[in-house]
Amino acid sequence: MNMGESLPATDQNIEECIMYLSGEGNYIFGDEVSIDQYDYAIVKSLGKQLSSNSPFTQKQSYIGLRIVKKYSSLLARTGFDPETILDKQTFKWPFRTIDRTKSLYIDGEQIVLKSPFIADIVNKVKKRKTPSYYKGIYQAESKEWAFDYNEPNVEFMVIKGIEYPRKSKQSNEEEILLSEETKGLAREEILLLQKKIRQDLNPIYIITFDFGNKSSKGSRELLEESVHYSSMATAAYSAIEKGWEFMSANVIQGSGSVTHYYYMKRNKK
């Protein structure tokens, strides 16, 4: 590009200005442009993006305008018309819309994950390289990760709730506290259970979570909170908040109680 030589109208836009400043696109073999070191990384990143025909997002367009304004004198000396470009906010392409869909679903024999860029999620997915049945396959067109639908990638849990009909507070307390389900409870859990029994609730539930032999922070939280739950719906909702998905349920009628089983699953992180 010759100094002072006016550029064609098709090049008079924010994107061309950024590519010139970054030395990308049609300017890759041109002289290096001297810009502030604090701007170098973002200008270079935007230039590479634009040179691969990936438009600005709405948010990036504001950065582009700011950069063109800052270097308007330099751009004017090299054939751009930054004053008109900024006044009309002239862009080469429509803005790119980022798909912010968050979804996790089963598709045949695969668990499919879709999410906008969240560094923590991306890093966890990329670390799942070995063994082979942990590894995910990235589907560029749909921007989704697909994992094998197998036991190493899925957790299972059973929510068990024993429902006792309301009797006198004393008989309820004796029956429940002497049951098999309360033998493993800690002292503070027993005290909370006694308090719940003595409240005017109808019916009374003892709810437990069975994760098999596996334990995690989320599972421990559910176990600790279970003594506070007064219905199966409350227990299921708490599990769903922690990423569990309801699969099925069944109910067994006993002589003095009704036992509910909710079967849940969750894709492993």
C-alpha atoms as a PDB file:
ATOM      1  CA  MET A   1       0.000   0.000   0.000  1.00  0.00           C
ATOM      2  CA  ASN A   2       1.408   3.371  -1.004  1.00  0.00           C
ATOM      3  CA  MET A   3       1.326   6.194   1.519  1.00  0.00           C
ATOM      4  CA  GLY A   4      -1.514   8.618   0.794  1.00  0.00           C
ATOM      5  CA  GLU A   5      -2.960   6.491  -1.988  1.00  0.00           C
ATOM      6  CA  SER A   6      -6.720   6.325  -1.538  1.00  0.00           C
ATOM      7  CA  LEU A   7      -8.203   2.854  -1.174  1.00  0.00           C
ATOM      8  CA  PRO A   8     -11.276   1.683  -3.124  1.00  0.00           C
ATOM      9  CA  ALA A   9     -14.671   2.120  -1.455  1.00  0.00           C
ATOM     10  CA  THR A  10     -14.966  -1.655  -0.910  1.00  0.00           C
ATOM     11  CA  ASP A  11     -11.987  -1.480   1.471  1.00  0.00           C
ATOM     12  CA  GLN A  12     -13.278   1.494   3.448  1.00  0.00           C
ATOM     13  CA  ASN A  13     -14.628  -0.373   6.456  1.00  0.00           C
ATOM     14  CA  ILE A  14     -13.710  -1.281  10.026  1.00  0.00           C
ATOM     15  CA  GLU A  15     -12.667  -4.840   9.184  1.00  0.00           C
ATOM     16  CA  GLU A  16     -10.143  -3.742   6.531  1.00  0.00           C
ATOM     17  CA  CYS A  17      -8.692  -1.199   8.972  1.00  0.00           C
ATOM     18  CA  ILE A  18      -8.179  -3.918  11.593  1.00  0.00           C
ATOM     19  CA  MET A  19      -6.628  -6.332   9.098  1.00  0.00           C
ATOM     20  CA  TYR A  20      -4.248  -3.609   7.940  1.00  0.00           C
ATOM     21  CA  LEU A  21      -3.200  -2.759  11.499  1.00  0.00           C
ATOM     22  CA  SER A  22      -2.684  -6.456  12.290  1.00  0.00           C
ATOM     23  CA  GLY A  23      -0.883  -7.335   9.060  1.00  0.00           C
ATOM     24  CA  GLU A  24      -3.418 -10.001   8.187  1.00  0.00           C
ATOM     25  CA  GLY A  25      -5.531 -10.747   5.099  1.00  0.00           C
ATOM     26  CA  ASN A  26      -4.447  -8.785   2.045  1.00  0.00           C
ATOM     27  CA  TYR A  27      -1.795  -6.999   4.135  1.00  0.00           C
ATOM     28  CA  ILE A  28       0.150 -10.056   5.285  1.00  0.00           C
ATOM     29  CA  PHE A  29       3.108  -9.216   3.024  1.00  0.00           C
ATOM     30  CA  GLY A  30       3.023  -5.476   3.718  1.00  0.00           C
ATOM     31  CA  ASP A  31       5.226  -3.472   6.054  1.00  0.00           C
ATOM     32  CA  GLU A  32       4.657  -4.053   9.753  1.00  0.00           C
ATOM     33  CA  VAL A  33       2.499  -1.358  11.318  1.00  0.00           C
ATOM     34  CA  SER A  34       3.671   0.144  14.583  1.00  0.00           C
ATOM     35  CA  ILE A  35       0.894   0.027  17.175  1.00  0.00           C
ATOM     36  CA  ASP A  36       0.811   0.297  20.961  1.00  0.00           C
ATOM     37  CA  GLN A  37       2.074  -2.894  22.636  1.00  0.00           C
ATOM     38  CA  TYR A  38      -1.046  -2.954  24.812  1.00  0.00           C
ATOM     39  CA  ASP A  39      -3.220  -3.200  21.689  1.00  0.00           C
ATOM     40  CA  TYR A  40      -1.077  -5.733  19.826  1.00  0.00           C
ATOM     41  CA  ALA A  41      -2.647  -8.952  21.156  1.00  0.00           C
ATOM     42  CA  ILE A  42      -6.283  -7.964  20.589  1.00  0.00           C
ATOM     43  CA  VAL A  43      -5.587  -6.373  17.179  1.00  0.00           C
ATOM     44  CA  LYS A  44      -3.674  -9.473  16.034  1.00  0.00           C
ATOM     45  CA  SER A  45      -6.411 -11.785  17.325  1.00  0.00           C
ATOM     46  CA  LEU A  46      -9.179  -9.851  15.577  1.00  0.00           C
ATOM     47  CA  GLY A  47      -7.118  -9.641  12.385  1.00  0.00           C
ATOM     48  CA  LYS A  48      -6.609 -13.406  12.260  1.00  0.00           C
ATOM     49  CA  GLN A  49     -10.319 -13.957  12.884  1.00  0.00           C
ATOM     50  CA  LEU A  50     -11.335 -11.576  10.090  1.00  0.00           C
ATOM     51  CA  SER A  51      -8.786 -12.995   7.662  1.00  0.00           C
ATOM     52  CA  SER A  52     -10.493 -16.393   8.035  1.00  0.00           C
ATOM     53  CA  ASN A  53     -13.790 -14.715   7.013  1.00  0.00           C
ATOM     54  CA  SER A  54     -15.235 -14.878  10.525  1.00  0.00           C
ATOM     55  CA  PRO A  55     -17.178 -11.629  11.145  1.00  0.00           C
ATOM     56  CA  PHE A  56     -17.225  -9.531  14.292  1.00  0.00           C
ATOM     57  CA  THR A  57     -19.694 -10.216  17.042  1.00  0.00           C
ATOM     58  CA  GLN A  58     -21.656  -7.186  18.250  1.00  0.00           C
ATOM     59  CA  LYS A  59     -19.301  -6.897  21.227  1.00  0.00           C
ATOM     60  CA  GLN A  60     -16.190  -7.126  19.037  1.00  0.00           C
ATOM     61  CA  SER A  61     -17.536  -4.386  16.769  1.00  0.00           C
ATOM     62  CA  TYR A  62     -17.234  -1.887  19.648  1.00  0.00           C
ATOM     63  CA  ILE A  63     -13.586  -2.869  20.094  1.00  0.00           C
ATOM     64  CA  GLY A  64     -13.036  -2.443  16.353  1.00  0.00           C
ATOM     65  CA  LEU A  65     -14.521   1.065  16.414  1.00  0.00           C
ATOM     66  CA  ARG A  66     -12.355   2.015  19.392  1.00  0.00           C
ATOM     67  CA  ILE A  67      -9.167   0.772  17.690  1.00  0.00           C
ATOM     68  CA  VAL A  68      -9.919   2.524  14.387  1.00  0.00           C
ATOM     69  CA  LYS A  69     -10.597   5.772  16.271  1.00  0.00           C
ATOM     70  CA  LYS A  70      -7.327   5.465  18.204  1.00  0.00           C
ATOM     71  CA  TYR A  71      -5.260   4.907  15.028  1.00  0.00           C
ATOM     72  CA  SER A  72      -7.280   7.169  12.720  1.00  0.00           C
ATOM     73  CA  SER A  73      -4.301   9.419  11.905  1.00  0.00           C
ATOM     74  CA  LEU A  74      -2.124   6.452  10.931  1.00  0.00           C
ATOM     75  CA  LEU A  75      -4.946   4.930   8.862  1.00  0.00           C
ATOM     76  CA  ALA A  76      -5.624   8.244   7.087  1.00  0.00           C
ATOM     77  CA  ARG A  77      -1.980   8.448   5.978  1.00  0.00           C
ATOM     78  CA  THR A  78      -2.249   5.037   4.320  1.00  0.00           C
ATOM     79  CA  GLY A  79      -5.360   5.607   2.194  1.00  0.00           C
ATOM     80  CA  PHE A  80      -8.220   4.890   4.586  1.00  0.00           C
ATOM     81  CA  ASP A  81     -10.936   7.424   5.352  1.00  0.00           C
ATOM     82  CA  PRO A  82     -11.397   6.746   9.083  1.00  0.00           C
ATOM     83  CA  GLU A  83     -13.538   9.829   9.662  1.00  0.00           C
ATOM     84  CA  THR A  84     -16.218   8.617   7.213  1.00  0.00           C
ATOM     85  CA  ILE A  85     -15.862   4.995   8.324  1.00  0.00           C
ATOM     86  CA  LEU A  86     -16.413   5.958  11.968  1.00  0.00           C
ATOM     87  CA  ASP A  87     -19.165   8.459  11.195  1.00  0.00           C
ATOM     88  CA  LYS A  88     -21.159   5.872   9.208  1.00  0.00           C
ATOM     89  CA  GLN A  89     -19.916   2.920  11.273  1.00  0.00           C
ATOM     90  CA  THR A  90     -19.175   1.044   8.069  1.00  0.00           C
ATOM     91  CA  PHE A  91     -18.698  -2.721   8.478  1.00  0.00           C
ATOM     92  CA  LYS A  92     -17.876  -5.218   5.777  1.00  0.00           C
ATOM     93  CA  TRP A  93     -20.103  -8.037   7.067  1.00  0.00           C
ATOM     94  CA  PRO A  94     -23.191  -8.444   9.260  1.00  0.00           C
ATOM     95  CA  PHE A  95     -22.323  -9.272  12.844  1.00  0.00           C
ATOM     96  CA  ARG A  96     -21.869 -12.879  13.855  1.00  0.00           C
ATOM     97  CA  THR A  97     -24.336 -14.226  16.419  1.00  0.00           C
ATOM     98  CA  ILE A  98     -22.891 -16.597  19.011  1.00  0.00           C
ATOM     99  CA  ASP A  99     -24.969 -19.681  19.678  1.00  0.00           C
ATOM    100  CA  ARG A 100     -25.352 -19.700  23.466  1.00  0.00           C
ATOM    101  CA  THR A 101     -27.339 -22.932  23.570  1.00  0.00           C
ATOM    102  CA  LYS A 102     -26.636 -25.133  26.596  1.00  0.00           C
ATOM    103  CA  SER A 103     -27.843 -28.688  26.204  1.00  0.00           C
ATOM    104  CA  LEU A 104     -27.045 -32.215  27.316  1.00  0.00           C
ATOM    105  CA  TYR A 105     -29.001 -35.080  25.783  1.00  0.00           C
ATOM    106  CA  ILE A 106     -28.912 -38.716  24.722  1.00  0.00           C
ATOM    107  CA  ASP A 107     -28.799 -39.382  20.976  1.00  0.00           C
ATOM    108  CA  GLY A 108     -28.879 -43.123  20.311  1.00  0.00           C
ATOM    109  CA  GLU A 109     -25.616 -44.518  21.693  1.00  0.00           C
ATOM    110  CA  GLN A 110     -24.095 -41.115  22.434  1.00  0.00           C
ATOM    111  CA  ILE A 111     -24.220 -38.444  25.142  1.00  0.00           C
ATOM    112  CA  VAL A 112     -24.173 -35.078  23.367  1.00  0.00           C
ATOM    113  CA  LEU A 113     -22.942 -31.880  25.046  1.00  0.00           C
ATOM    114  CA  LYS A 114     -23.403 -28.408  23.599  1.00  0.00           C
ATOM    115  CA  SER A 115     -22.339 -25.206  25.322  1.00  0.00           C
ATOM    116  CA  PRO A 116     -21.002 -21.736  24.513  1.00  0.00           C
ATOM    117  CA  PHE A 117     -17.297 -21.293  25.253  1.00  0.00           C
ATOM    118  CA  ILE A 118     -16.798 -21.747  28.985  1.00  0.00           C
ATOM    119  CA  ALA A 119     -13.130 -22.358  29.741  1.00  0.00           C
ATOM    120  CA  ASP A 120     -13.773 -24.735  32.654  1.00  0.00           C
ATOM    121  CA  ILE A 121     -16.067 -26.973  30.579  1.00  0.00           C
ATOM    122  CA  VAL A 122     -13.776 -26.953  27.532  1.00  0.00           C
ATOM    123  CA  ASN A 123     -10.737 -27.872  29.648  1.00  0.00           C
ATOM    124  CA  LYS A 124     -12.588 -30.751  31.318  1.00  0.00           C
ATOM    125  CA  VAL A 125     -13.732 -32.102  27.954  1.00  0.00           C
ATOM    126  CA  LYS A 126     -10.247 -31.881  26.430  1.00  0.00           C
ATOM    127  CA  LYS A 127      -8.700 -33.712  29.400  1.00  0.00           C
ATOM    128  CA  ARG A 128     -10.914 -36.737  28.762  1.00  0.00           C
ATOM    129  CA  LYS A 129      -8.450 -38.414  26.384  1.00  0.00           C
ATOM    130  CA  THR A 130      -7.748 -41.760  28.032  1.00  0.00           C
ATOM    131  CA  PRO A 131      -8.958 -44.419  28.259  1.00  0.00           C
ATOM    132  CA  SER A 132     -10.594 -44.335  24.816  1.00  0.00           C
ATOM    133  CA  TYR A 133     -14.154 -44.800  26.118  1.00  0.00           C
ATOM    134  CA  TYR A 134     -13.865 -41.470  28.026  1.00  0.00           C
ATOM    135  CA  LYS A 135     -12.834 -39.506  24.944  1.00  0.00           C
ATOM    136  CA  GLY A 136     -15.276 -37.143  23.253  1.00  0.00           C
ATOM    137  CA  ILE A 137     -15.532 -36.425  19.527  1.00  0.00           C
ATOM    138  CA  TYR A 138     -16.003 -32.795  18.516  1.00  0.00           C
ATOM    139  CA  GLN A 139     -18.602 -32.206  15.780  1.00  0.00           C
ATOM    140  CA  ALA A 140     -17.508 -28.914  14.215  1.00  0.00           C
ATOM    141  CA  GLU A 141     -20.654 -28.281  12.174  1.00  0.00           C
ATOM    142  CA  SER A 142     -23.024 -28.450  15.151  1.00  0.00           C
ATOM    143  CA  LYS A 143     -20.354 -27.368  17.690  1.00  0.00           C
ATOM    144  CA  GLU A 144     -21.143 -30.320  19.945  1.00  0.00           C
ATOM    145  CA  TRP A 145     -19.141 -32.946  21.832  1.00  0.00           C
ATOM    146  CA  ALA A 146     -20.289 -36.555  21.631  1.00  0.00           C
ATOM    147  CA  PHE A 147     -19.342 -39.241  24.166  1.00  0.00           C
ATOM    148  CA  ASP A 148     -20.120 -42.950  24.215  1.00  0.00           C
ATOM    149  CA  TYR A 149     -23.239 -43.714  26.240  1.00  0.00           C
ATOM    150  CA  ASN A 150     -21.611 -46.225  28.578  1.00  0.00           C
ATOM    151  CA  GLU A 151     -21.230 -46.851  32.287  1.00  0.00           C
ATOM    152  CA  PRO A 152     -17.882 -44.994  32.670  1.00  0.00           C
ATOM    153  CA  ASN A 153     -19.566 -41.841  31.335  1.00  0.00           C
ATOM    154  CA  VAL A 154     -22.845 -42.049  33.295  1.00  0.00           C
ATOM    155  CA  GLU A 155     -23.619 -42.048  37.030  1.00  0.00           C
ATOM    156  CA  PHE A 156     -26.708 -43.635  38.517  1.00  0.00           C
ATOM    157  CA  MET A 157     -28.511 -42.909  41.773  1.00  0.00           C
ATOM    158  CA  VAL A 158     -31.588 -44.102  43.631  1.00  0.00           C
ATOM    159  CA  ILE A 159     -33.636 -41.775  45.811  1.00  0.00           C
ATOM    160  CA  LYS A 160     -35.459 -43.830  48.405  1.00  0.00           C
ATOM    161  CA  GLY A 161     -38.267 -42.294  50.406  1.00  0.00           C
ATOM    162  CA  ILE A 162     -40.185 -44.115  53.139  1.00  0.00           C
ATOM    163  CA  GLU A 163     -43.551 -42.488  53.756  1.00  0.00           C
ATOM    164  CA  TYR A 164     -45.144 -42.945  57.174  1.00  0.00           C
ATOM    165  CA  PRO A 165     -48.778 -41.967  57.669  1.00  0.00           C
ATOM    166  CA  ARG A 166     -49.417 -39.407  60.388  1.00  0.00           C
ATOM    167  CA  LYS A 167     -50.251 -40.980  63.745  1.00  0.00           C
ATOM    168  CA  SER A 168     -49.804 -39.575  67.215  1.00  0.00           C
ATOM    169  CA  LYS A 169     -46.498 -37.741  67.520  1.00  0.00           C
ATOM    170  CA  GLN A 170     -45.231 -40.167  70.160  1.00  0.00           C
ATOM    171  CA  SER A 171     -46.034 -43.352  68.234  1.00  0.00           C
ATOM    172  CA  ASN A 172     -44.615 -41.860  65.031  1.00  0.00           C
ATOM    173  CA  GLU A 173     -41.395 -40.928  66.776  1.00  0.00           C
ATOM    174  CA  GLU A 174     -40.928 -44.341  68.366  1.00  0.00           C
ATOM    175  CA  GLU A 175     -41.685 -46.232  65.151  1.00  0.00           C
ATOM    176  CA  ILE A 176     -39.435 -44.148  62.942  1.00  0.00           C
ATOM    177  CA  LEU A 177     -36.466 -43.810  65.277  1.00  0.00           C
ATOM    178  CA  LEU A 178     -36.415 -47.576  65.851  1.00  0.00           C
ATOM    179  CA  SER A 179     -36.582 -48.391  62.141  1.00  0.00           C
ATOM    180  CA  GLU A 180     -33.662 -49.795  60.134  1.00  0.00           C
ATOM    181  CA  GLU A 181     -33.456 -46.623  58.067  1.00  0.00           C
ATOM    182  CA  THR A 182     -32.377 -44.448  61.014  1.00  0.00           C
ATOM    183  CA  LYS A 183     -29.684 -46.688  62.485  1.00  0.00           C
ATOM    184  CA  GLY A 184     -26.867 -45.109  60.492  1.00  0.00           C
ATOM    185  CA  LEU A 185     -27.836 -41.495  61.174  1.00  0.00           C
ATOM    186  CA  ALA A 186     -25.551 -39.199  63.154  1.00  0.00           C
ATOM    187  CA  ARG A 187     -26.756 -37.608  66.395  1.00  0.00           C
ATOM    188  CA  GLU A 188     -27.453 -34.214  64.807  1.00  0.00           C
ATOM    189  CA  GLU A 189     -29.422 -35.918  62.036  1.00  0.00           C
ATOM    190  CA  ILE A 190     -31.494 -37.781  64.634  1.00  0.00           C
ATOM    191  CA  LEU A 191     -32.262 -34.477  66.374  1.00  0.00           C
ATOM    192  CA  LEU A 192     -33.358 -32.885  63.090  1.00  0.00           C
ATOM    193  CA  LEU A 193     -35.515 -35.910  62.313  1.00  0.00           C
ATOM    194  CA  GLN A 194     -37.150 -35.702  65.744  1.00  0.00           C
ATOM    195  CA  LYS A 195     -37.898 -32.046  65.130  1.00  0.00           C
ATOM    196  CA  LYS A 196     -39.492 -32.883  61.777  1.00  0.00           C
ATOM    197  CA  ILE A 197     -41.616 -35.642  63.318  1.00  0.00           C
ATOM    198  CA  ARG A 198     -42.892 -33.270  65.990  1.00  0.00           C
ATOM    199  CA  GLN A 199     -43.890 -30.654  63.457  1.00  0.00           C
ATOM    200  CA  ASP A 200     -47.394 -30.674  62.039  1.00  0.00           C
ATOM    201  CA  LEU A 201     -46.439 -32.380  58.755  1.00  0.00           C
ATOM    202  CA  ASN A 202     -48.454 -35.017  56.970  1.00  0.00           C
ATOM    203  CA  PRO A 203     -47.136 -37.527  56.001  1.00  0.00           C
ATOM    204  CA  ILE A 204     -43.589 -38.053  57.357  1.00  0.00           C
ATOM    205  CA  TYR A 205     -40.747 -39.025  55.003  1.00  0.00           C
ATOM    206  CA  ILE A 206     -37.329 -40.526  55.602  1.00  0.00           C
ATOM    207  CA  ILE A 207     -35.339 -39.882  52.431  1.00  0.00           C
ATOM    208  CA  THR A 208     -31.974 -41.360  51.489  1.00  0.00           C
ATOM    209  CA  PHE A 209     -29.752 -41.206  48.410  1.00  0.00           C
ATOM    210  CA  ASP A 210     -27.955 -44.308  47.175  1.00  0.00           C
ATOM    211  CA  PHE A 211     -24.916 -43.683  44.930  1.00  0.00           C
ATOM    212  CA  GLY A 212     -23.509 -47.194  45.156  1.00  0.00           C
ATOM    213  CA  ASN A 213     -19.907 -47.063  46.353  1.00  0.00           C
ATOM    214  CA  LYS A 214     -19.142 -43.734  44.691  1.00  0.00           C
ATOM    215  CA  SER A 215     -18.942 -40.394  46.463  1.00  0.00           C
ATOM    216  CA  SER A 216     -18.508 -36.809  45.329  1.00  0.00           C
ATOM    217  CA  LYS A 217     -19.034 -33.338  46.739  1.00  0.00           C
ATOM    218  CA  GLY A 218     -22.506 -33.181  45.179  1.00  0.00           C
ATOM    219  CA  SER A 219     -23.510 -36.591  46.548  1.00  0.00           C
ATOM    220  CA  ARG A 220     -22.323 -35.675  50.048  1.00  0.00           C
ATOM    221  CA  GLU A 221     -24.348 -32.456  49.915  1.00  0.00           C
ATOM    222  CA  LEU A 222     -27.507 -34.373  48.991  1.00  0.00           C
ATOM    223  CA  LEU A 223     -26.935 -36.852  51.812  1.00  0.00           C
ATOM    224  CA  GLU A 224     -26.399 -34.048  54.327  1.00  0.00           C
ATOM    225  CA  GLU A 225     -29.521 -32.201  53.168  1.00  0.00           C
ATOM    226  CA  SER A 226     -31.767 -35.283  52.980  1.00  0.00           C
ATOM    227  CA  VAL A 227     -32.920 -35.044  56.605  1.00  0.00           C
ATOM    228  CA  HIS A 228     -34.537 -31.676  55.805  1.00  0.00           C
ATOM    229  CA  TYR A 229     -36.665 -32.949  52.901  1.00  0.00           C
ATOM    230  CA  SER A 230     -40.365 -33.327  53.577  1.00  0.00           C
ATOM    231  CA  SER A 231     -41.378 -34.895  50.244  1.00  0.00           C
ATOM    232  CA  MET A 232     -40.013 -36.893  47.338  1.00  0.00           C
ATOM    233  CA  ALA A 233     -40.599 -33.927  45.054  1.00  0.00           C
ATOM    234  CA  THR A 234     -38.257 -31.778  47.162  1.00  0.00           C
ATOM    235  CA  ALA A 235     -35.570 -34.466  47.068  1.00  0.00           C
ATOM    236  CA  ALA A 236     -35.902 -34.936  43.296  1.00  0.00           C
ATOM    237  CA  TYR A 237     -35.775 -31.190  42.663  1.00  0.00           C
ATOM    238  CA  SER A 238     -32.558 -30.856  44.702  1.00  0.00           C
ATOM    239  CA  ALA A 239     -31.009 -33.693  42.711  1.00  0.00           C
ATOM    240  CA  ILE A 240     -32.051 -32.116  39.391  1.00  0.00           C
ATOM    241  CA  GLU A 241     -30.406 -28.838  40.465  1.00  0.00           C
ATOM    242  CA  LYS A 242     -27.147 -30.796  40.800  1.00  0.00           C
ATOM    243  CA  GLY A 243     -27.390 -32.201  37.274  1.00  0.00           C
ATOM    244  CA  TRP A 244     -29.329 -35.430  37.854  1.00  0.00           C
ATOM    245  CA  GLU A 245     -32.045 -36.509  35.425  1.00  0.00           C
ATOM    246  CA  PHE A 246     -35.159 -38.462  36.371  1.00  0.00           C
ATOM    247  CA  MET A 247     -35.453 -41.868  34.643  1.00  0.00           C
ATOM    248  CA  SER A 248     -38.288 -43.803  36.294  1.00  0.00           C
ATOM    249  CA  ALA A 249     -39.951 -44.607  39.615  1.00  0.00           C
ATOM    250  CA  ASN A 250     -41.828 -47.280  41.460  1.00  0.00           C
ATOM    251  CA  VAL A 251     -43.745 -47.574  44.726  1.00  0.00           C
ATOM    252  CA  ILE A 252     -43.935 -50.468  47.185  1.00  0.00           C
ATOM    253  CA  GLN A 253     -46.774 -50.647  49.677  1.00  0.00           C
ATOM    254  CA  GLY A 254     -45.688 -52.006  53.082  1.00  0.00           C
ATOM    255  CA  SER A 255     -47.689 -52.866  56.162  1.00  0.00           C
ATOM    256  CA  GLY A 256     -47.063 -49.581  57.938  1.00  0.00           C
ATOM    257  CA  SER A 257     -45.394 -47.442  55.304  1.00  0.00           C
ATOM    258  CA  VAL A 258     -45.042 -46.751  51.584  1.00  0.00           C
ATOM    259  CA  THR A 259     -41.587 -46.852  49.968  1.00  0.00           C
ATOM    260  CA  HIS A 260     -40.883 -44.695  46.914  1.00  0.00           C
ATOM    261  CA  TYR A 261     -37.934 -45.265  44.574  1.00  0.00           C
ATOM    262  CA  TYR A 262     -36.809 -42.611  42.089  1.00  0.00           C
ATOM    263  CA  TYR A 263     -34.142 -43.749  39.628  1.00  0.00           C
ATOM    264  CA  MET A 264     -31.820 -40.976  38.433  1.00  0.00           C
ATOM    265  CA  LYS A 265     -28.849 -40.676  36.088  1.00  0.00           C
ATOM    266  CA  ARG A 266     -26.218 -38.037  35.408  1.00  0.00           C
ATOM    267  CA  ASN A 267     -23.536 -37.723  32.746  1.00  0.00           C
ATOM    268  CA  LYS A 268     -20.111 -37.709  34.331  1.00  0.00           C
ATOM    269  CA  LYS A 269     -18.069 -34.518  34.148  1.00  0.00           C
END
